[in-house]
Amino acid sequence: GVSGVIDAFVTENSTNSPQTVGGVSLPANSLFVAV
């Protein structure tokens, strides 16, 4: 809903260790937002 945003993707790593999601390494217990 932000003006000018063309696309966005949101996911998370809810575990206590780093995880690779969709080709990207996410830190433990972190939120990932690509815009």
All heavy atoms as atom14 arrays in JSON, in Angstrom:
{
  "sequence": "GVSGVIDAFVTENSTNSPQTVGGVSLPANSLFVAV",
  "atom14_mask": [
    [1, 1, 1, 1, 0, 0, 0, 0, 0, 0, 0, 0, 0, 0],
    [1, 1, 1, 1, 1, 1, 1, 0, 0, 0, 0, 0, 0, 0],
    [1, 1, 1, 1, 1, 1, 0, 0, 0, 0, 0, 0, 0, 0],
    [1, 1, 1, 1, 0, 0, 0, 0, 0, 0, 0, 0, 0, 0],
    [1, 1, 1, 1, 1, 1, 1, 0, 0, 0, 0, 0, 0, 0],
    [1, 1, 1, 1, 1, 1, 1, 1, 0, 0, 0, 0, 0, 0],
    [1, 1, 1, 1, 1, 1, 1, 1, 0, 0, 0, 0, 0, 0],
    [1, 1, 1, 1, 1, 0, 0, 0, 0, 0, 0, 0, 0, 0],
    [1, 1, 1, 1, 1, 1, 1, 1, 1, 1, 1, 0, 0, 0],
    [1, 1, 1, 1, 1, 1, 1, 0, 0, 0, 0, 0, 0, 0],
    [1, 1, 1, 1, 1, 1, 1, 0, 0, 0, 0, 0, 0, 0],
    [1, 1, 1, 1, 1, 1, 1, 1, 1, 0, 0, 0, 0, 0],
    [1, 1, 1, 1, 1, 1, 1, 1, 0, 0, 0, 0, 0, 0],
    [1, 1, 1, 1, 1, 1, 0, 0, 0, 0, 0, 0, 0, 0],
    [1, 1, 1, 1, 1, 1, 1, 0, 0, 0, 0, 0, 0, 0],
    [1, 1, 1, 1, 1, 1, 1, 1, 0, 0, 0, 0, 0, 0],
    [1, 1, 1, 1, 1, 1, 0, 0, 0, 0, 0, 0, 0, 0],
    [1, 1, 1, 1, 1, 1, 1, 0, 0, 0, 0, 0, 0, 0],
    [1, 1, 1, 1, 1, 1, 1, 1, 1, 0, 0, 0, 0, 0],
    [1, 1, 1, 1, 1, 1, 1, 0, 0, 0, 0, 0, 0, 0],
    [1, 1, 1, 1, 1, 1, 1, 0, 0, 0, 0, 0, 0, 0],
    [1, 1, 1, 1, 0, 0, 0, 0, 0, 0, 0, 0, 0, 0],
    [1, 1, 1, 1, 0, 0, 0, 0, 0, 0, 0, 0, 0, 0],
    [1, 1, 1, 1, 1, 1, 1, 0, 0, 0, 0, 0, 0, 0],
    [1, 1, 1, 1, 1, 1, 0, 0, 0, 0, 0, 0, 0, 0],
    [1, 1, 1, 1, 1, 1, 1, 1, 0, 0, 0, 0, 0, 0],
    [1, 1, 1, 1, 1, 1, 1, 0, 0, 0, 0, 0, 0, 0],
    [1, 1, 1, 1, 1, 0, 0, 0, 0, 0, 0, 0, 0, 0],
    [1, 1, 1, 1, 1, 1, 1, 1, 0, 0, 0, 0, 0, 0],
    [1, 1, 1, 1, 1, 1, 0, 0, 0, 0, 0, 0, 0, 0],
    [1, 1, 1, 1, 1, 1, 1, 1, 0, 0, 0, 0, 0, 0],
    [1, 1, 1, 1, 1, 1, 1, 1, 1, 1, 1, 0, 0, 0],
    [1, 1, 1, 1, 1, 1, 1, 0, 0, 0, 0, 0, 0, 0],
    [1, 1, 1, 1, 1, 0, 0, 0, 0, 0, 0, 0, 0, 0],
    [1, 1, 1, 1, 1, 1, 1, 0, 0, 0, 0, 0, 0, 0]
  ],
  "atom14_positions": [
    [[0.79, -1.22, 0.0], [0.0, 0.0, 0.0], [0.83, 1.27, 0.0], [0.27, 2.37, -0.12], [0.0, 0.0, 0.0], [0.0, 0.0, 0.0], [0.0, 0.0, 0.0], [0.0, 0.0, 0.0], [0.0, 0.0, 0.0], [0.0, 0.0, 0.0], [0.0, 0.0, 0.0], [0.0, 0.0, 0.0], [0.0, 0.0, 0.0], [0.0, 0.0, 0.0]],
    [[2.15, 1.14, 0.11], [3.03, 2.32, 0.12], [3.15, 2.87, -1.3], [3.34, 2.13, -2.26], [4.43, 1.94, 0.66], [5.41, 3.1, 0.48], [4.34, 1.54, 2.12], [0.0, 0.0, 0.0], [0.0, 0.0, 0.0], [0.0, 0.0, 0.0], [0.0, 0.0, 0.0], [0.0, 0.0, 0.0], [0.0, 0.0, 0.0], [0.0, 0.0, 0.0]],
    [[3.04, 4.17, -1.42], [3.13, 4.82, -2.73], [4.47, 4.5, -3.4], [5.52, 4.63, -2.78], [2.98, 6.33, -2.57], [3.16, 6.99, -3.8], [0.0, 0.0, 0.0], [0.0, 0.0, 0.0], [0.0, 0.0, 0.0], [0.0, 0.0, 0.0], [0.0, 0.0, 0.0], [0.0, 0.0, 0.0], [0.0, 0.0, 0.0], [0.0, 0.0, 0.0]],
    [[4.42, 4.09, -4.66], [5.63, 3.82, -5.42], [6.13, 2.4, -5.33], [7.04, 2.02, -6.07], [0.0, 0.0, 0.0], [0.0, 0.0, 0.0], [0.0, 0.0, 0.0], [0.0, 0.0, 0.0], [0.0, 0.0, 0.0], [0.0, 0.0, 0.0], [0.0, 0.0, 0.0], [0.0, 0.0, 0.0], [0.0, 0.0, 0.0], [0.0, 0.0, 0.0]],
    [[5.58, 1.58, -4.44], [6.02, 0.19, -4.31], [5.46, -0.61, -5.48], [4.25, -0.64, -5.71], [5.59, -0.43, -2.98], [5.79, -1.95, -2.99], [6.39, 0.19, -1.84], [0.0, 0.0, 0.0], [0.0, 0.0, 0.0], [0.0, 0.0, 0.0], [0.0, 0.0, 0.0], [0.0, 0.0, 0.0], [0.0, 0.0, 0.0], [0.0, 0.0, 0.0]],
    [[6.33, -1.27, -6.23], [5.94, -2.06, -7.38], [5.67, -3.5, -6.99], [4.76, -4.14, -7.49], [7.04, -1.99, -8.47], [7.15, -0.55, -8.99], [6.76, -2.95, -9.62], [8.34, -0.32, -9.9], [0.0, 0.0, 0.0], [0.0, 0.0, 0.0], [0.0, 0.0, 0.0], [0.0, 0.0, 0.0], [0.0, 0.0, 0.0], [0.0, 0.0, 0.0]],
    [[6.46, -4.04, -6.06], [6.27, -5.42, -5.62], [6.91, -5.59, -4.25], [7.8, -4.82, -3.86], [6.88, -6.39, -6.63], [6.41, -7.82, -6.44], [5.39, -8.02, -5.74], [7.03, -8.74, -7.0], [0.0, 0.0, 0.0], [0.0, 0.0, 0.0], [0.0, 0.0, 0.0], [0.0, 0.0, 0.0], [0.0, 0.0, 0.0], [0.0, 0.0, 0.0]],
    [[6.45, -6.61, -3.52], [7.0, -6.91, -2.2], [6.83, -8.39, -1.91], [5.89, -9.03, -2.39], [6.31, -6.08, -1.12], [0.0, 0.0, 0.0], [0.0, 0.0, 0.0], [0.0, 0.0, 0.0], [0.0, 0.0, 0.0], [0.0, 0.0, 0.0], [0.0, 0.0, 0.0], [0.0, 0.0, 0.0], [0.0, 0.0, 0.0], [0.0, 0.0, 0.0]],
    [[7.75, -8.93, -1.11], [7.68, -10.33, -0.68], [8.06, -10.38, 0.78], [9.03, -9.72, 1.2], [8.64, -11.19, -1.52], [8.58, -12.65, -1.18], [7.66, -13.48, -1.8], [9.44, -13.19, -0.24], [7.59, -14.83, -1.48], [9.38, -14.54, 0.09], [8.45, -15.37, -0.54], [0.0, 0.0, 0.0], [0.0, 0.0, 0.0], [0.0, 0.0, 0.0]],
    [[7.32, -11.14, 1.58], [7.55, -11.21, 3.02], [7.59, -12.66, 3.46], [6.72, -13.47, 3.09], [6.43, -10.47, 3.8], [6.7, -10.54, 5.3], [6.32, -9.03, 3.35], [0.0, 0.0, 0.0], [0.0, 0.0, 0.0], [0.0, 0.0, 0.0], [0.0, 0.0, 0.0], [0.0, 0.0, 0.0], [0.0, 0.0, 0.0], [0.0, 0.0, 0.0]],
    [[8.6, -13.01, 4.24], [8.67, -14.33, 4.86], [9.45, -14.19, 6.17], [9.82, -13.08, 6.56], [9.34, -15.36, 3.92], [9.21, -16.66, 4.49], [10.81, -15.05, 3.7], [0.0, 0.0, 0.0], [0.0, 0.0, 0.0], [0.0, 0.0, 0.0], [0.0, 0.0, 0.0], [0.0, 0.0, 0.0], [0.0, 0.0, 0.0], [0.0, 0.0, 0.0]],
    [[9.69, -15.31, 6.85], [10.38, -15.25, 8.14], [11.15, -16.54, 8.38], [10.9, -17.58, 7.74], [9.38, -15.05, 9.27], [8.42, -16.22, 9.45], [7.46, -16.06, 10.61], [7.75, -15.22, 11.48], [6.45, -16.78, 10.65], [0.0, 0.0, 0.0], [0.0, 0.0, 0.0], [0.0, 0.0, 0.0], [0.0, 0.0, 0.0], [0.0, 0.0, 0.0]],
    [[12.09, -16.47, 9.31], [12.75, -17.64, 9.86], [12.38, -17.7, 11.33], [12.87, -16.92, 12.14], [14.27, -17.55, 9.69], [15.0, -18.71, 10.36], [14.38, -19.71, 10.75], [16.31, -18.58, 10.51], [0.0, 0.0, 0.0], [0.0, 0.0, 0.0], [0.0, 0.0, 0.0], [0.0, 0.0, 0.0], [0.0, 0.0, 0.0], [0.0, 0.0, 0.0]],
    [[11.48, -18.59, 11.67], [10.98, -18.67, 13.05], [11.78, -19.64, 13.91], [11.42, -19.89, 15.06], [9.5, -19.09, 13.04], [9.34, -20.34, 12.39], [0.0, 0.0, 0.0], [0.0, 0.0, 0.0], [0.0, 0.0, 0.0], [0.0, 0.0, 0.0], [0.0, 0.0, 0.0], [0.0, 0.0, 0.0], [0.0, 0.0, 0.0], [0.0, 0.0, 0.0]],
    [[12.87, -20.19, 13.35], [13.68, -21.15, 14.1], [14.8, -20.43, 14.84], [15.07, -19.25, 14.63], [14.28, -22.21, 13.16], [15.3, -21.6, 12.35], [13.2, -22.81, 12.26], [0.0, 0.0, 0.0], [0.0, 0.0, 0.0], [0.0, 0.0, 0.0], [0.0, 0.0, 0.0], [0.0, 0.0, 0.0], [0.0, 0.0, 0.0], [0.0, 0.0, 0.0]],
    [[15.52, -21.19, 15.69], [16.61, -20.63, 16.49], [17.97, -20.76, 15.81], [19.0, -20.57, 16.45], [16.66, -21.31, 17.85], [15.46, -20.96, 18.72], [14.97, -19.84, 18.67], [14.97, -21.92, 19.48], [0.0, 0.0, 0.0], [0.0, 0.0, 0.0], [0.0, 0.0, 0.0], [0.0, 0.0, 0.0], [0.0, 0.0, 0.0], [0.0, 0.0, 0.0]],
    [[17.97, -21.1, 14.52], [19.22, -21.21, 13.78], [19.03, -20.63, 12.39], [17.9, -20.56, 11.89], [19.65, -22.68, 13.7], [18.66, -23.46, 13.05], [0.0, 0.0, 0.0], [0.0, 0.0, 0.0], [0.0, 0.0, 0.0], [0.0, 0.0, 0.0], [0.0, 0.0, 0.0], [0.0, 0.0, 0.0], [0.0, 0.0, 0.0], [0.0, 0.0, 0.0]],
    [[20.12, -20.22, 11.74], [19.99, -19.67, 10.38], [19.38, -20.7, 9.43], [19.65, -21.89, 9.53], [21.43, -19.33, 10.0], [22.15, -19.2, 11.3], [21.51, -20.17, 12.23], [0.0, 0.0, 0.0], [0.0, 0.0, 0.0], [0.0, 0.0, 0.0], [0.0, 0.0, 0.0], [0.0, 0.0, 0.0], [0.0, 0.0, 0.0], [0.0, 0.0, 0.0]],
    [[18.57, -20.2, 8.51], [17.93, -21.06, 7.53], [18.02, -20.42, 6.16], [18.01, -19.19, 6.04], [16.45, -21.28, 7.88], [16.19, -21.96, 9.21], [16.52, -23.44, 9.18], [16.37, -24.09, 8.14], [16.96, -23.98, 10.31], [0.0, 0.0, 0.0], [0.0, 0.0, 0.0], [0.0, 0.0, 0.0], [0.0, 0.0, 0.0], [0.0, 0.0, 0.0]],
    [[18.13, -21.25, 5.11], [18.11, -20.74, 3.75], [16.7, -20.88, 3.2], [16.15, -21.98, 3.13], [19.09, -21.51, 2.84], [20.42, -21.31, 3.34], [19.03, -20.99, 1.41], [0.0, 0.0, 0.0], [0.0, 0.0, 0.0], [0.0, 0.0, 0.0], [0.0, 0.0, 0.0], [0.0, 0.0, 0.0], [0.0, 0.0, 0.0], [0.0, 0.0, 0.0]],
    [[16.11, -19.75, 2.83], [14.74, -19.71, 2.31], [14.77, -19.03, 0.95], [15.23, -17.9, 0.83], [13.81, -18.95, 3.27], [12.38, -18.9, 2.7], [13.81, -19.58, 4.65], [0.0, 0.0, 0.0], [0.0, 0.0, 0.0], [0.0, 0.0, 0.0], [0.0, 0.0, 0.0], [0.0, 0.0, 0.0], [0.0, 0.0, 0.0], [0.0, 0.0, 0.0]],
    [[14.31, -19.7, -0.07], [14.24, -19.1, -1.39], [15.57, -18.61, -1.91], [15.64, -17.59, -2.59], [0.0, 0.0, 0.0], [0.0, 0.0, 0.0], [0.0, 0.0, 0.0], [0.0, 0.0, 0.0], [0.0, 0.0, 0.0], [0.0, 0.0, 0.0], [0.0, 0.0, 0.0], [0.0, 0.0, 0.0], [0.0, 0.0, 0.0], [0.0, 0.0, 0.0]],
    [[16.66, -19.33, -1.54], [17.99, -18.97, -2.01], [18.69, -17.91, -1.17], [19.79, -17.49, -1.51], [0.0, 0.0, 0.0], [0.0, 0.0, 0.0], [0.0, 0.0, 0.0], [0.0, 0.0, 0.0], [0.0, 0.0, 0.0], [0.0, 0.0, 0.0], [0.0, 0.0, 0.0], [0.0, 0.0, 0.0], [0.0, 0.0, 0.0], [0.0, 0.0, 0.0]],
    [[18.07, -17.47, -0.06], [18.65, -16.43, 0.79], [18.8, -16.96, 2.21], [17.88, -17.58, 2.76], [17.77, -15.17, 0.8], [18.34, -14.11, 1.73], [17.64, -14.61, -0.62], [0.0, 0.0, 0.0], [0.0, 0.0, 0.0], [0.0, 0.0, 0.0], [0.0, 0.0, 0.0], [0.0, 0.0, 0.0], [0.0, 0.0, 0.0], [0.0, 0.0, 0.0]],
    [[19.96, -16.71, 2.83], [20.2, -17.12, 4.21], [19.59, -16.11, 5.17], [19.91, -14.92, 5.13], [21.7, -17.25, 4.48], [21.94, -17.64, 5.83], [0.0, 0.0, 0.0], [0.0, 0.0, 0.0], [0.0, 0.0, 0.0], [0.0, 0.0, 0.0], [0.0, 0.0, 0.0], [0.0, 0.0, 0.0], [0.0, 0.0, 0.0], [0.0, 0.0, 0.0]],
    [[18.66, -16.57, 6.02], [18.0, -15.71, 6.98], [18.5, -16.01, 8.39], [18.56, -17.17, 8.79], [16.48, -15.92, 6.93], [15.79, -15.77, 5.58], [14.29, -15.9, 5.74], [16.15, -14.44, 4.94], [0.0, 0.0, 0.0], [0.0, 0.0, 0.0], [0.0, 0.0, 0.0], [0.0, 0.0, 0.0], [0.0, 0.0, 0.0], [0.0, 0.0, 0.0]],
    [[18.85, -14.97, 9.17], [19.28, -15.18, 10.56], [18.17, -15.82, 11.38], [16.99, -15.8, 11.0], [19.6, -13.76, 11.05], [19.79, -12.95, 9.81], [18.9, -13.56, 8.79], [0.0, 0.0, 0.0], [0.0, 0.0, 0.0], [0.0, 0.0, 0.0], [0.0, 0.0, 0.0], [0.0, 0.0, 0.0], [0.0, 0.0, 0.0], [0.0, 0.0, 0.0]],
    [[18.53, -16.35, 12.53], [17.55, -16.98, 13.42], [16.51, -15.96, 13.87], [16.83, -14.78, 14.1], [18.25, -17.57, 14.62], [0.0, 0.0, 0.0], [0.0, 0.0, 0.0], [0.0, 0.0, 0.0], [0.0, 0.0, 0.0], [0.0, 0.0, 0.0], [0.0, 0.0, 0.0], [0.0, 0.0, 0.0], [0.0, 0.0, 0.0], [0.0, 0.0, 0.0]],
    [[15.26, -16.41, 13.95], [14.15, -15.59, 14.48], [14.09, -14.2, 13.82], [14.02, -13.18, 14.51], [14.29, -15.44, 16.0], [14.32, -16.77, 16.7], [13.41, -17.58, 16.54], [15.37, -17.03, 17.46], [0.0, 0.0, 0.0], [0.0, 0.0, 0.0], [0.0, 0.0, 0.0], [0.0, 0.0, 0.0], [0.0, 0.0, 0.0], [0.0, 0.0, 0.0]],
    [[14.11, -14.18, 12.51], [14.14, -12.89, 11.81], [13.02, -12.78, 10.8], [12.5, -13.77, 10.28], [15.49, -12.69, 11.11], [15.65, -13.63, 10.06], [0.0, 0.0, 0.0], [0.0, 0.0, 0.0], [0.0, 0.0, 0.0], [0.0, 0.0, 0.0], [0.0, 0.0, 0.0], [0.0, 0.0, 0.0], [0.0, 0.0, 0.0], [0.0, 0.0, 0.0]],
    [[12.67, -11.54, 10.53], [11.69, -11.2, 9.5], [12.43, -10.77, 8.24], [13.41, -10.04, 8.31], [10.81, -10.05, 10.0], [9.85, -9.4, 8.98], [8.73, -10.36, 8.63], [9.29, -8.09, 9.53], [0.0, 0.0, 0.0], [0.0, 0.0, 0.0], [0.0, 0.0, 0.0], [0.0, 0.0, 0.0], [0.0, 0.0, 0.0], [0.0, 0.0, 0.0]],
    [[11.95, -11.23, 7.08], [12.56, -10.85, 5.81], [11.52, -10.19, 4.94], [10.46, -10.77, 4.67], [13.14, -12.07, 5.09], [13.7, -11.76, 3.73], [15.02, -11.36, 3.59], [12.91, -11.87, 2.59], [15.54, -11.06, 2.34], [13.43, -11.58, 1.34], [14.75, -11.17, 1.22], [0.0, 0.0, 0.0], [0.0, 0.0, 0.0], [0.0, 0.0, 0.0]],
    [[11.83, -8.97, 4.47], [10.94, -8.24, 3.57], [11.77, -7.75, 2.39], [12.76, -7.04, 2.59], [10.27, -7.03, 4.27], [9.32, -6.32, 3.31], [9.53, -7.47, 5.52], [0.0, 0.0, 0.0], [0.0, 0.0, 0.0], [0.0, 0.0, 0.0], [0.0, 0.0, 0.0], [0.0, 0.0, 0.0], [0.0, 0.0, 0.0], [0.0, 0.0, 0.0]],
    [[11.39, -8.15, 1.19], [12.04, -7.66, -0.03], [11.08, -6.73, -0.74], [9.9, -7.05, -0.9], [12.43, -8.81, -0.95], [0.0, 0.0, 0.0], [0.0, 0.0, 0.0], [0.0, 0.0, 0.0], [0.0, 0.0, 0.0], [0.0, 0.0, 0.0], [0.0, 0.0, 0.0], [0.0, 0.0, 0.0], [0.0, 0.0, 0.0], [0.0, 0.0, 0.0]],
    [[11.57, -5.56, -1.17], [10.71, -4.53, -1.74], [11.35, -3.95, -2.99], [12.56, -3.7, -3.03], [10.45, -3.39, -0.72], [9.48, -2.36, -1.31], [9.92, -3.93, 0.58], [0.0, 0.0, 0.0], [0.0, 0.0, 0.0], [0.0, 0.0, 0.0], [0.0, 0.0, 0.0], [0.0, 0.0, 0.0], [0.0, 0.0, 0.0], [0.0, 0.0, 0.0]]
  ]
}
